[in-house]
Amino acid sequence: MKNTLKQSLVIAALALSTLSFAQTTAVGTSKNWGTVDGISMVGLVQGPSSADAQLQVACVFEYTDNDIHSAQALPANVNGLVHLDEALKGELTNIRKSGQFLGHSLETILITPPAGSMSAKKLLLIGLGDRNKFTPDLMTSVGEVAAREAMRLGVTNFAFASDLKDAGIDSPTALVAGNVVRGIVHANRSENYLKEHKLSTTKKLEKVYLLAGPAFFETAGGGISDAISEVKKK
């Protein structure tokens, strides 16, 4: 019994040590992973309630009871959705739980946060659908929707948080981040086509802040860099 307890404590200590080691990128760290079609793709270690951008985009699944506080979700101190909910005084949970925003795949809702509650003046939620049916391919379309809505709103920059890890989904970080970039670039090129044909007068999108937690910054950056290299060839 004593040996079993001792082994369990050792395993737990190693797990905590590994987590601490993984979280080596300091909050506030930013890096321009590259520029494509005039848009700077900037990685930023920051939560969606604190990122300084004209528009904040956050992604949520269809609501399940207490989902952002579940055992599978990230701990509250590093969980961007928890921080966002706290900044909105519980309204993120309320609008989901009450069915005002169902979180269906690619569903959107635009929120004007109370003054001083978060850095961005506008918050766009994008639905990810059923968490049990999630695939990384969806994030290409999510990136497209985010960019199209940002341009429609007339902003020149926005911050994007996929919030998959926060919601408890063990997703492939690099692929997800890369797919978001692919979607953003596709949406921007479509908009450029419209402008060339005198069918749009939106502002130029100049910068996207791609948010990542301390433990996922470098991995996400690798996926972003790969995606930028890929789309530049097209």
C-alpha atoms as a PDB file:
ATOM      1  CA  MET A   1       0.000   0.000   0.000  1.00  0.00           C
ATOM      2  CA  LYS A   2       2.799   2.419   0.970  1.00  0.00           C
ATOM      3  CA  ASN A   3       4.731   1.640  -2.219  1.00  0.00           C
ATOM      4  CA  THR A   4       1.623   2.195  -4.339  1.00  0.00           C
ATOM      5  CA  LEU A   5       0.980   5.547  -2.675  1.00  0.00           C
ATOM      6  CA  LYS A   6       4.605   6.527  -3.113  1.00  0.00           C
ATOM      7  CA  GLN A   7       4.507   5.604  -6.797  1.00  0.00           C
ATOM      8  CA  SER A   8       1.320   7.635  -7.282  1.00  0.00           C
ATOM      9  CA  LEU A   9       2.898  10.682  -5.664  1.00  0.00           C
ATOM     10  CA  VAL A  10       5.983  10.354  -7.854  1.00  0.00           C
ATOM     11  CA  ILE A  11       3.845  10.111 -10.998  1.00  0.00           C
ATOM     12  CA  ALA A  12       1.839  13.158  -9.960  1.00  0.00           C
ATOM     13  CA  ALA A  13       4.999  15.135  -9.270  1.00  0.00           C
ATOM     14  CA  LEU A  14       6.432  14.199 -12.644  1.00  0.00           C
ATOM     15  CA  ALA A  15       3.218  15.260 -14.355  1.00  0.00           C
ATOM     16  CA  LEU A  16       3.294  18.644 -12.649  1.00  0.00           C
ATOM     17  CA  SER A  17       6.959  19.024 -13.456  1.00  0.00           C
ATOM     18  CA  THR A  18       6.308  18.244 -17.129  1.00  0.00           C
ATOM     19  CA  LEU A  19       3.459  20.764 -17.268  1.00  0.00           C
ATOM     20  CA  SER A  20       5.607  23.461 -15.676  1.00  0.00           C
ATOM     21  CA  PHE A  21       8.459  22.714 -18.063  1.00  0.00           C
ATOM     22  CA  ALA A  22       6.132  22.910 -21.058  1.00  0.00           C
ATOM     23  CA  GLN A  23       4.882  26.345 -20.054  1.00  0.00           C
ATOM     24  CA  THR A  24       8.106  28.156 -20.858  1.00  0.00           C
ATOM     25  CA  THR A  25       6.748  30.988 -22.989  1.00  0.00           C
ATOM     26  CA  ALA A  26       5.895  34.019 -20.886  1.00  0.00           C
ATOM     27  CA  VAL A  27       2.491  35.656 -21.021  1.00  0.00           C
ATOM     28  CA  GLY A  28       2.680  38.703 -23.279  1.00  0.00           C
ATOM     29  CA  THR A  29       5.253  37.183 -25.608  1.00  0.00           C
ATOM     30  CA  SER A  30       4.577  37.981 -29.254  1.00  0.00           C
ATOM     31  CA  LYS A  31       6.245  36.966 -32.495  1.00  0.00           C
ATOM     32  CA  ASN A  32       5.488  37.727 -36.122  1.00  0.00           C
ATOM     33  CA  TRP A  33       5.532  34.256 -37.656  1.00  0.00           C
ATOM     34  CA  GLY A  34       5.360  35.745 -41.140  1.00  0.00           C
ATOM     35  CA  THR A  35       3.444  37.998 -43.498  1.00  0.00           C
ATOM     36  CA  VAL A  36       1.252  36.855 -46.360  1.00  0.00           C
ATOM     37  CA  ASP A  37      -0.629  39.128 -48.784  1.00  0.00           C
ATOM     38  CA  GLY A  38       0.186  42.058 -46.515  1.00  0.00           C
ATOM     39  CA  ILE A  39      -1.266  40.464 -43.379  1.00  0.00           C
ATOM     40  CA  SER A  40       1.108  39.957 -40.448  1.00  0.00           C
ATOM     41  CA  MET A  41       0.383  36.693 -38.620  1.00  0.00           C
ATOM     42  CA  VAL A  42       1.467  37.447 -35.065  1.00  0.00           C
ATOM     43  CA  GLY A  43       1.593  34.782 -32.384  1.00  0.00           C
ATOM     44  CA  LEU A  44       0.672  36.109 -28.948  1.00  0.00           C
ATOM     45  CA  VAL A  45       0.647  34.437 -25.531  1.00  0.00           C
ATOM     46  CA  GLN A  46      -2.459  36.061 -24.137  1.00  0.00           C
ATOM     47  CA  GLY A  47      -6.025  35.246 -23.186  1.00  0.00           C
ATOM     48  CA  PRO A  48      -8.991  36.469 -25.257  1.00  0.00           C
ATOM     49  CA  SER A  49     -10.131  38.832 -22.510  1.00  0.00           C
ATOM     50  CA  SER A  50      -6.777  40.640 -22.470  1.00  0.00           C
ATOM     51  CA  ALA A  51      -5.525  40.758 -26.066  1.00  0.00           C
ATOM     52  CA  ASP A  52      -5.287  44.339 -27.332  1.00  0.00           C
ATOM     53  CA  ALA A  53      -7.056  44.206 -30.708  1.00  0.00           C
ATOM     54  CA  GLN A  54      -9.955  45.950 -32.420  1.00  0.00           C
ATOM     55  CA  LEU A  55     -11.944  42.709 -32.477  1.00  0.00           C
ATOM     56  CA  GLN A  56     -11.605  39.538 -30.419  1.00  0.00           C
ATOM     57  CA  VAL A  57     -12.719  36.232 -31.934  1.00  0.00           C
ATOM     58  CA  ALA A  58     -13.320  33.251 -29.643  1.00  0.00           C
ATOM     59  CA  CYS A  59     -14.613  29.774 -30.479  1.00  0.00           C
ATOM     60  CA  VAL A  60     -17.043  27.673 -28.439  1.00  0.00           C
ATOM     61  CA  PHE A  61     -18.666  24.279 -28.810  1.00  0.00           C
ATOM     62  CA  GLU A  62     -22.332  23.549 -28.286  1.00  0.00           C
ATOM     63  CA  TYR A  63     -22.951  23.909 -24.570  1.00  0.00           C
ATOM     64  CA  THR A  64     -22.588  20.994 -22.203  1.00  0.00           C
ATOM     65  CA  ASP A  65     -23.026  21.393 -18.476  1.00  0.00           C
ATOM     66  CA  ASN A  66     -20.068  23.149 -16.838  1.00  0.00           C
ATOM     67  CA  ASP A  67     -17.925  22.411 -19.893  1.00  0.00           C
ATOM     68  CA  ILE A  68     -15.272  25.101 -19.499  1.00  0.00           C
ATOM     69  CA  HIS A  69     -14.706  23.978 -15.905  1.00  0.00           C
ATOM     70  CA  SER A  70     -14.666  20.238 -16.629  1.00  0.00           C
ATOM     71  CA  ALA A  71     -11.823  17.921 -15.669  1.00  0.00           C
ATOM     72  CA  GLN A  72     -10.792  17.765 -19.335  1.00  0.00           C
ATOM     73  CA  ALA A  73     -10.565  21.555 -19.721  1.00  0.00           C
ATOM     74  CA  LEU A  74      -7.417  23.522 -18.947  1.00  0.00           C
ATOM     75  CA  PRO A  75      -6.971  24.676 -15.334  1.00  0.00           C
ATOM     76  CA  ALA A  76      -8.802  27.916 -14.601  1.00  0.00           C
ATOM     77  CA  ASN A  77      -5.605  29.971 -14.249  1.00  0.00           C
ATOM     78  CA  VAL A  78      -4.626  29.262 -17.891  1.00  0.00           C
ATOM     79  CA  ASN A  79      -8.098  28.798 -19.388  1.00  0.00           C
ATOM     80  CA  GLY A  80      -8.971  31.645 -21.736  1.00  0.00           C
ATOM     81  CA  LEU A  81     -12.676  30.803 -21.815  1.00  0.00           C
ATOM     82  CA  VAL A  82     -12.873  30.926 -18.026  1.00  0.00           C
ATOM     83  CA  HIS A  83     -11.158  34.327 -18.029  1.00  0.00           C
ATOM     84  CA  LEU A  84     -13.497  35.535 -20.774  1.00  0.00           C
ATOM     85  CA  ASP A  85     -16.537  34.362 -18.827  1.00  0.00           C
ATOM     86  CA  GLU A  86     -15.266  36.107 -15.714  1.00  0.00           C
ATOM     87  CA  ALA A  87     -14.631  39.332 -17.637  1.00  0.00           C
ATOM     88  CA  LEU A  88     -18.239  39.227 -18.868  1.00  0.00           C
ATOM     89  CA  LYS A  89     -19.506  38.428 -15.361  1.00  0.00           C
ATOM     90  CA  GLY A  90     -20.759  34.995 -16.370  1.00  0.00           C
ATOM     91  CA  GLU A  91     -22.583  36.104 -19.513  1.00  0.00           C
ATOM     92  CA  LEU A  92     -20.539  33.839 -21.807  1.00  0.00           C
ATOM     93  CA  THR A  93     -21.972  30.874 -19.923  1.00  0.00           C
ATOM     94  CA  ASN A  94     -25.431  32.429 -19.648  1.00  0.00           C
ATOM     95  CA  ILE A  95     -25.953  33.025 -23.367  1.00  0.00           C
ATOM     96  CA  ARG A  96     -24.776  29.489 -24.133  1.00  0.00           C
ATOM     97  CA  LYS A  97     -26.669  27.754 -21.340  1.00  0.00           C
ATOM     98  CA  SER A  98     -29.905  29.624 -22.091  1.00  0.00           C
ATOM     99  CA  GLY A  99     -29.759  28.793 -25.797  1.00  0.00           C
ATOM    100  CA  GLN A 100     -29.345  32.384 -26.970  1.00  0.00           C
ATOM    101  CA  PHE A 101     -26.208  31.184 -28.758  1.00  0.00           C
ATOM    102  CA  LEU A 102     -26.275  27.476 -29.550  1.00  0.00           C
ATOM    103  CA  GLY A 103     -22.713  27.182 -30.819  1.00  0.00           C
ATOM    104  CA  HIS A 104     -23.653  25.247 -33.950  1.00  0.00           C
ATOM    105  CA  SER A 105     -20.845  24.835 -36.460  1.00  0.00           C
ATOM    106  CA  LEU A 106     -19.895  28.252 -37.923  1.00  0.00           C
ATOM    107  CA  GLU A 107     -22.768  30.024 -36.136  1.00  0.00           C
ATOM    108  CA  THR A 108     -21.757  33.542 -35.074  1.00  0.00           C
ATOM    109  CA  ILE A 109     -22.869  36.172 -32.596  1.00  0.00           C
ATOM    110  CA  LEU A 110     -21.374  39.629 -32.091  1.00  0.00           C
ATOM    111  CA  ILE A 111     -21.141  40.999 -28.561  1.00  0.00           C
ATOM    112  CA  THR A 112     -20.311  44.499 -27.348  1.00  0.00           C
ATOM    113  CA  PRO A 113     -18.574  43.941 -23.983  1.00  0.00           C
ATOM    114  CA  PRO A 114     -19.255  46.414 -21.172  1.00  0.00           C
ATOM    115  CA  ALA A 115     -16.693  49.223 -21.097  1.00  0.00           C
ATOM    116  CA  GLY A 116     -13.519  48.180 -19.315  1.00  0.00           C
ATOM    117  CA  SER A 117     -14.435  44.491 -19.128  1.00  0.00           C
ATOM    118  CA  MET A 118     -11.937  43.388 -21.781  1.00  0.00           C
ATOM    119  CA  SER A 119      -9.390  44.939 -24.108  1.00  0.00           C
ATOM    120  CA  ALA A 120     -11.259  44.495 -27.399  1.00  0.00           C
ATOM    121  CA  LYS A 121     -14.342  46.628 -28.007  1.00  0.00           C
ATOM    122  CA  LYS A 122     -16.124  43.841 -29.895  1.00  0.00           C
ATOM    123  CA  LEU A 123     -16.277  40.087 -29.286  1.00  0.00           C
ATOM    124  CA  LEU A 124     -17.229  37.648 -32.038  1.00  0.00           C
ATOM    125  CA  LEU A 125     -18.137  34.119 -30.991  1.00  0.00           C
ATOM    126  CA  ILE A 126     -17.933  31.378 -33.607  1.00  0.00           C
ATOM    127  CA  GLY A 127     -19.576  28.019 -32.988  1.00  0.00           C
ATOM    128  CA  LEU A 128     -17.659  24.755 -33.355  1.00  0.00           C
ATOM    129  CA  GLY A 129     -20.657  22.426 -33.172  1.00  0.00           C
ATOM    130  CA  ASP A 130     -20.698  19.085 -31.386  1.00  0.00           C
ATOM    131  CA  ARG A 131     -17.408  18.560 -29.538  1.00  0.00           C
ATOM    132  CA  ASN A 132     -17.598  14.818 -30.203  1.00  0.00           C
ATOM    133  CA  LYS A 133     -17.600  15.398 -33.959  1.00  0.00           C
ATOM    134  CA  PHE A 134     -14.810  17.962 -34.134  1.00  0.00           C
ATOM    135  CA  THR A 135     -12.120  17.618 -36.797  1.00  0.00           C
ATOM    136  CA  PRO A 136      -9.226  20.028 -37.443  1.00  0.00           C
ATOM    137  CA  ASP A 137     -10.518  20.636 -40.991  1.00  0.00           C
ATOM    138  CA  LEU A 138     -13.321  22.745 -39.508  1.00  0.00           C
ATOM    139  CA  MET A 139     -10.803  25.362 -38.427  1.00  0.00           C
ATOM    140  CA  THR A 140     -10.110  26.359 -42.039  1.00  0.00           C
ATOM    141  CA  SER A 141     -13.741  27.405 -42.388  1.00  0.00           C
ATOM    142  CA  VAL A 142     -13.647  29.025 -38.934  1.00  0.00           C
ATOM    143  CA  GLY A 143     -10.640  31.097 -40.022  1.00  0.00           C
ATOM    144  CA  GLU A 144     -12.534  32.160 -43.139  1.00  0.00           C
ATOM    145  CA  VAL A 145     -15.588  33.222 -41.148  1.00  0.00           C
ATOM    146  CA  ALA A 146     -13.435  35.154 -38.671  1.00  0.00           C
ATOM    147  CA  ALA A 147     -11.662  37.092 -41.420  1.00  0.00           C
ATOM    148  CA  ARG A 148     -14.822  37.796 -43.422  1.00  0.00           C
ATOM    149  CA  GLU A 149     -16.638  39.097 -40.348  1.00  0.00           C
ATOM    150  CA  ALA A 150     -13.626  41.191 -39.334  1.00  0.00           C
ATOM    151  CA  MET A 151     -13.484  42.831 -42.746  1.00  0.00           C
ATOM    152  CA  ARG A 152     -17.257  43.347 -42.781  1.00  0.00           C
ATOM    153  CA  LEU A 153     -16.945  45.114 -39.413  1.00  0.00           C
ATOM    154  CA  GLY A 154     -14.300  47.426 -40.830  1.00  0.00           C
ATOM    155  CA  VAL A 155     -11.410  46.506 -38.537  1.00  0.00           C
ATOM    156  CA  THR A 156      -7.805  46.329 -39.681  1.00  0.00           C
ATOM    157  CA  ASN A 157      -6.747  43.806 -37.037  1.00  0.00           C
ATOM    158  CA  PHE A 158      -8.276  41.128 -34.864  1.00  0.00           C
ATOM    159  CA  ALA A 159      -7.225  38.559 -32.283  1.00  0.00           C
ATOM    160  CA  PHE A 160      -8.200  34.926 -32.745  1.00  0.00           C
ATOM    161  CA  ALA A 161      -8.512  32.262 -30.039  1.00  0.00           C
ATOM    162  CA  SER A 162      -9.491  28.746 -31.075  1.00  0.00           C
ATOM    163  CA  ASP A 163     -10.040  27.816 -27.390  1.00  0.00           C
ATOM    164  CA  LEU A 164      -9.998  24.088 -28.157  1.00  0.00           C
ATOM    165  CA  LYS A 165      -7.640  23.161 -25.338  1.00  0.00           C
ATOM    166  CA  ASP A 166      -9.581  25.455 -22.987  1.00  0.00           C
ATOM    167  CA  ALA A 167     -12.736  23.504 -23.824  1.00  0.00           C
ATOM    168  CA  GLY A 168     -11.039  20.166 -23.141  1.00  0.00           C
ATOM    169  CA  ILE A 169     -10.372  19.002 -26.703  1.00  0.00           C
ATOM    170  CA  ASP A 170      -6.991  17.355 -27.244  1.00  0.00           C
ATOM    171  CA  SER A 171      -6.508  18.796 -30.720  1.00  0.00           C
ATOM    172  CA  PRO A 172      -3.354  18.843 -32.913  1.00  0.00           C
ATOM    173  CA  THR A 173      -2.115  22.351 -32.134  1.00  0.00           C
ATOM    174  CA  ALA A 174       0.078  22.936 -35.193  1.00  0.00           C
ATOM    175  CA  LEU A 175      -2.531  21.696 -37.672  1.00  0.00           C
ATOM    176  CA  VAL A 176      -5.313  23.731 -36.065  1.00  0.00           C
ATOM    177  CA  ALA A 177      -3.245  26.932 -36.093  1.00  0.00           C
ATOM    178  CA  GLY A 178      -2.169  26.340 -39.674  1.00  0.00           C
ATOM    179  CA  ASN A 179      -5.721  25.711 -40.831  1.00  0.00           C
ATOM    180  CA  VAL A 180      -6.900  28.961 -39.247  1.00  0.00           C
ATOM    181  CA  VAL A 181      -4.234  30.813 -41.251  1.00  0.00           C
ATOM    182  CA  ARG A 182      -5.271  29.009 -44.435  1.00  0.00           C
ATOM    183  CA  GLY A 183      -8.855  30.116 -43.913  1.00  0.00           C
ATOM    184  CA  ILE A 184      -7.904  33.712 -43.193  1.00  0.00           C
ATOM    185  CA  VAL A 185      -5.778  33.927 -46.325  1.00  0.00           C
ATOM    186  CA  HIS A 186      -8.517  32.419 -48.501  1.00  0.00           C
ATOM    187  CA  ALA A 187     -11.088  34.902 -47.185  1.00  0.00           C
ATOM    188  CA  ASN A 188      -8.721  37.824 -47.743  1.00  0.00           C
ATOM    189  CA  ARG A 189      -7.951  36.752 -51.310  1.00  0.00           C
ATOM    190  CA  SER A 190     -11.656  36.460 -52.061  1.00  0.00           C
ATOM    191  CA  GLU A 191     -12.156  39.965 -50.689  1.00  0.00           C
ATOM    192  CA  ASN A 192      -9.274  41.257 -52.810  1.00  0.00           C
ATOM    193  CA  TYR A 193     -10.944  39.763 -55.873  1.00  0.00           C
ATOM    194  CA  LEU A 194     -14.147  41.648 -55.030  1.00  0.00           C
ATOM    195  CA  LYS A 195     -12.209  44.890 -54.610  1.00  0.00           C
ATOM    196  CA  GLU A 196     -10.471  44.414 -57.945  1.00  0.00           C
ATOM    197  CA  HIS A 197     -13.875  44.030 -59.587  1.00  0.00           C
ATOM    198  CA  LYS A 198     -15.349  47.067 -57.783  1.00  0.00           C
ATOM    199  CA  LEU A 199     -17.624  44.847 -55.671  1.00  0.00           C
ATOM    200  CA  SER A 200     -16.276  45.700 -52.207  1.00  0.00           C
ATOM    201  CA  THR A 201     -14.898  48.692 -50.319  1.00  0.00           C
ATOM    202  CA  THR A 202     -13.762  47.077 -47.063  1.00  0.00           C
ATOM    203  CA  LYS A 203     -10.626  48.178 -45.231  1.00  0.00           C
ATOM    204  CA  LYS A 204      -7.393  46.269 -45.703  1.00  0.00           C
ATOM    205  CA  LEU A 205      -6.813  43.610 -43.080  1.00  0.00           C
ATOM    206  CA  GLU A 206      -3.310  44.263 -41.761  1.00  0.00           C
ATOM    207  CA  LYS A 207      -2.670  42.079 -38.742  1.00  0.00           C
ATOM    208  CA  VAL A 208      -4.050  38.980 -37.029  1.00  0.00           C
ATOM    209  CA  TYR A 209      -3.037  38.058 -33.479  1.00  0.00           C
ATOM    210  CA  LEU A 210      -3.169  34.270 -33.135  1.00  0.00           C
ATOM    211  CA  LEU A 211      -3.486  33.583 -29.429  1.00  0.00           C
ATOM    212  CA  ALA A 212      -1.867  30.572 -27.765  1.00  0.00           C
ATOM    213  CA  GLY A 213      -1.289  29.419 -24.221  1.00  0.00           C
ATOM    214  CA  PRO A 214       2.231  29.318 -22.733  1.00  0.00           C
ATOM    215  CA  ALA A 215       2.554  25.574 -23.340  1.00  0.00           C
ATOM    216  CA  PHE A 216       1.433  25.718 -26.982  1.00  0.00           C
ATOM    217  CA  PHE A 217       3.027  28.882 -28.393  1.00  0.00           C
ATOM    218  CA  GLU A 218       5.996  27.331 -30.198  1.00  0.00           C
ATOM    219  CA  THR A 219       4.019  24.371 -31.532  1.00  0.00           C
ATOM    220  CA  ALA A 220       1.306  26.668 -32.858  1.00  0.00           C
ATOM    221  CA  GLY A 221       3.975  28.873 -34.390  1.00  0.00           C
ATOM    222  CA  GLY A 222       5.379  25.957 -36.329  1.00  0.00           C
ATOM    223  CA  GLY A 223       1.983  25.259 -37.842  1.00  0.00           C
ATOM    224  CA  ILE A 224       1.453  28.938 -38.659  1.00  0.00           C
ATOM    225  CA  SER A 225       4.854  29.212 -40.358  1.00  0.00           C
ATOM    226  CA  ASP A 226       4.229  26.067 -42.409  1.00  0.00           C
ATOM    227  CA  ALA A 227       0.831  27.336 -43.523  1.00  0.00           C
ATOM    228  CA  ILE A 228       2.277  30.700 -44.550  1.00  0.00           C
ATOM    229  CA  SER A 229       4.951  28.965 -46.644  1.00  0.00           C
ATOM    230  CA  GLU A 230       2.279  26.774 -48.232  1.00  0.00           C
ATOM    231  CA  VAL A 231      -0.177  29.543 -49.178  1.00  0.00           C
ATOM    232  CA  LYS A 232       2.567  31.778 -50.558  1.00  0.00           C
ATOM    233  CA  LYS A 233       3.181  29.144 -53.236  1.00  0.00           C
ATOM    234  CA  LYS A 234      -0.432  29.306 -54.436  1.00  0.00           C
END
